[in-house]
């Protein structure tokens, strides 16, 4: 839980966000941009002295549903590794 501030940068054509958590004294800086038919929210944070790159990928976006994937960057394989997936549907 926390507070998030969002601002759209027309020059960079992306959203810039900062989330301040209430359960832990830290903040996360994120950016989000549309890439094709996907919305990708990227972040880089320091955990236990190690830099971790992650991204949330929103895709198959429809009026009442979308898919959500969380991926982390693996610097050894130089690829995004799937961590979590959600099928999200609106309840009417």
C-alpha atoms as a PDB file:
ATOM      1  CA  UNK A   1       0.000   0.000   0.000  1.00  0.00           C
ATOM      2  CA  UNK A   2       1.129   3.519  -0.594  1.00  0.00           C
ATOM      3  CA  UNK A   3       0.729   6.655  -2.656  1.00  0.00           C
ATOM      4  CA  UNK A   4       1.503   7.020  -6.342  1.00  0.00           C
ATOM      5  CA  UNK A   5       2.164  10.220  -8.249  1.00  0.00           C
ATOM      6  CA  UNK A   6       1.810  10.123 -12.046  1.00  0.00           C
ATOM      7  CA  UNK A   7       2.787  12.637 -14.708  1.00  0.00           C
ATOM      8  CA  UNK A   8       2.723  12.341 -18.496  1.00  0.00           C
ATOM      9  CA  UNK A   9       5.843  13.519 -20.315  1.00  0.00           C
ATOM     10  CA  UNK A  10       4.859  14.590 -23.824  1.00  0.00           C
ATOM     11  CA  UNK A  11       8.541  15.000 -24.732  1.00  0.00           C
ATOM     12  CA  UNK A  12       9.326  11.364 -23.822  1.00  0.00           C
ATOM     13  CA  UNK A  13       5.864  10.039 -24.774  1.00  0.00           C
ATOM     14  CA  UNK A  14       5.619   8.121 -21.525  1.00  0.00           C
ATOM     15  CA  UNK A  15       4.122   8.229 -18.062  1.00  0.00           C
ATOM     16  CA  UNK A  16       6.514   8.828 -15.175  1.00  0.00           C
ATOM     17  CA  UNK A  17       5.453   7.572 -11.757  1.00  0.00           C
ATOM     18  CA  UNK A  18       6.739   7.484  -8.207  1.00  0.00           C
ATOM     19  CA  UNK A  19       5.205   5.165  -5.618  1.00  0.00           C
ATOM     20  CA  UNK A  20       5.904   5.719  -1.934  1.00  0.00           C
ATOM     21  CA  UNK A  21       5.153   2.668   0.179  1.00  0.00           C
ATOM     22  CA  UNK A  22       3.643   2.837   3.634  1.00  0.00           C
ATOM     23  CA  UNK A  23       4.762  -0.578   4.855  1.00  0.00           C
ATOM     24  CA  UNK A  24       8.446  -0.053   4.105  1.00  0.00           C
ATOM     25  CA  UNK A  25      10.405   3.211   3.926  1.00  0.00           C
ATOM     26  CA  UNK A  26      11.160   3.164   0.200  1.00  0.00           C
ATOM     27  CA  UNK A  27       9.974   4.500  -3.115  1.00  0.00           C
ATOM     28  CA  UNK A  28       9.799   3.102  -6.634  1.00  0.00           C
ATOM     29  CA  UNK A  29      10.320   5.110  -9.802  1.00  0.00           C
ATOM     30  CA  UNK A  30       8.477   3.699 -12.811  1.00  0.00           C
ATOM     31  CA  UNK A  31       7.799   4.631 -16.396  1.00  0.00           C
ATOM     32  CA  UNK A  32       4.982   3.427 -18.637  1.00  0.00           C
ATOM     33  CA  UNK A  33       4.583   3.583 -22.367  1.00  0.00           C
ATOM     34  CA  UNK A  34       2.442   2.088 -25.076  1.00  0.00           C
ATOM     35  CA  UNK A  35       4.327  -0.346 -27.303  1.00  0.00           C
ATOM     36  CA  UNK A  36       2.136  -1.639 -30.106  1.00  0.00           C
ATOM     37  CA  UNK A  37      -1.041  -2.945 -28.462  1.00  0.00           C
ATOM     38  CA  UNK A  38       0.633  -3.347 -25.043  1.00  0.00           C
ATOM     39  CA  UNK A  39       1.127  -0.986 -22.115  1.00  0.00           C
ATOM     40  CA  UNK A  40       4.484  -1.617 -20.429  1.00  0.00           C
ATOM     41  CA  UNK A  41       5.266  -0.285 -16.953  1.00  0.00           C
ATOM     42  CA  UNK A  42       8.997  -0.578 -16.151  1.00  0.00           C
ATOM     43  CA  UNK A  43      10.846  -0.168 -12.872  1.00  0.00           C
ATOM     44  CA  UNK A  44      14.310  -0.507 -11.473  1.00  0.00           C
ATOM     45  CA  UNK A  45      14.820  -0.925  -7.741  1.00  0.00           C
ATOM     46  CA  UNK A  46      17.525  -1.897  -5.322  1.00  0.00           C
ATOM     47  CA  UNK A  47      16.784  -5.003  -3.233  1.00  0.00           C
ATOM     48  CA  UNK A  48      19.339  -6.254  -0.732  1.00  0.00           C
ATOM     49  CA  UNK A  49      22.058  -4.239  -2.481  1.00  0.00           C
ATOM     50  CA  UNK A  50      21.210  -5.682  -5.925  1.00  0.00           C
ATOM     51  CA  UNK A  51      19.556  -3.756  -8.773  1.00  0.00           C
ATOM     52  CA  UNK A  52      16.423  -5.545  -9.998  1.00  0.00           C
ATOM     53  CA  UNK A  53      14.709  -4.548 -13.243  1.00  0.00           C
ATOM     54  CA  UNK A  54      11.062  -5.485 -13.551  1.00  0.00           C
ATOM     55  CA  UNK A  55       8.147  -4.712 -15.801  1.00  0.00           C
ATOM     56  CA  UNK A  56       4.393  -5.139 -15.812  1.00  0.00           C
ATOM     57  CA  UNK A  57       2.998  -5.861 -19.268  1.00  0.00           C
ATOM     58  CA  UNK A  58      -0.711  -5.191 -19.853  1.00  0.00           C
ATOM     59  CA  UNK A  59      -1.952  -6.837 -23.063  1.00  0.00           C
ATOM     60  CA  UNK A  60      -5.040  -8.237 -24.789  1.00  0.00           C
ATOM     61  CA  UNK A  61      -6.787  -5.155 -23.419  1.00  0.00           C
ATOM     62  CA  UNK A  62     -10.549  -5.221 -24.009  1.00  0.00           C
ATOM     63  CA  UNK A  63     -13.537  -3.352 -22.576  1.00  0.00           C
ATOM     64  CA  UNK A  64     -14.055  -5.779 -19.678  1.00  0.00           C
ATOM     65  CA  UNK A  65     -10.773  -7.707 -19.463  1.00  0.00           C
ATOM     66  CA  UNK A  66      -7.004  -7.702 -19.928  1.00  0.00           C
ATOM     67  CA  UNK A  67      -3.947  -9.891 -19.373  1.00  0.00           C
ATOM     68  CA  UNK A  68      -1.181  -8.857 -16.961  1.00  0.00           C
ATOM     69  CA  UNK A  69       2.331 -10.278 -16.790  1.00  0.00           C
ATOM     70  CA  UNK A  70       5.147  -9.411 -14.380  1.00  0.00           C
ATOM     71  CA  UNK A  71       8.638 -10.093 -15.684  1.00  0.00           C
ATOM     72  CA  UNK A  72      12.146  -9.582 -14.289  1.00  0.00           C
ATOM     73  CA  UNK A  73      15.280  -8.972 -16.333  1.00  0.00           C
ATOM     74  CA  UNK A  74      17.916 -11.715 -16.201  1.00  0.00           C
ATOM     75  CA  UNK A  75      21.280 -10.121 -16.985  1.00  0.00           C
ATOM     76  CA  UNK A  76      22.967 -13.489 -17.546  1.00  0.00           C
ATOM     77  CA  UNK A  77      20.564 -14.685 -20.250  1.00  0.00           C
ATOM     78  CA  UNK A  78      19.781 -11.102 -21.335  1.00  0.00           C
ATOM     79  CA  UNK A  79      16.058 -11.873 -21.404  1.00  0.00           C
ATOM     80  CA  UNK A  80      12.832 -11.143 -19.516  1.00  0.00           C
ATOM     81  CA  UNK A  81      11.797 -13.997 -17.200  1.00  0.00           C
ATOM     82  CA  UNK A  82       8.065 -14.516 -16.448  1.00  0.00           C
ATOM     83  CA  UNK A  83       7.304 -14.214 -12.715  1.00  0.00           C
ATOM     84  CA  UNK A  84       3.518 -13.786 -12.477  1.00  0.00           C
ATOM     85  CA  UNK A  85       0.444 -13.741 -14.728  1.00  0.00           C
ATOM     86  CA  UNK A  86      -3.146 -12.621 -14.218  1.00  0.00           C
ATOM     87  CA  UNK A  87      -6.284 -12.862 -16.337  1.00  0.00           C
ATOM     88  CA  UNK A  88      -8.301  -9.856 -15.183  1.00  0.00           C
ATOM     89  CA  UNK A  89     -12.073  -9.574 -15.791  1.00  0.00           C
ATOM     90  CA  UNK A  90     -14.559  -6.925 -14.743  1.00  0.00           C
ATOM     91  CA  UNK A  91     -17.317  -8.196 -12.457  1.00  0.00           C
ATOM     92  CA  UNK A  92     -20.668  -6.632 -13.256  1.00  0.00           C
END
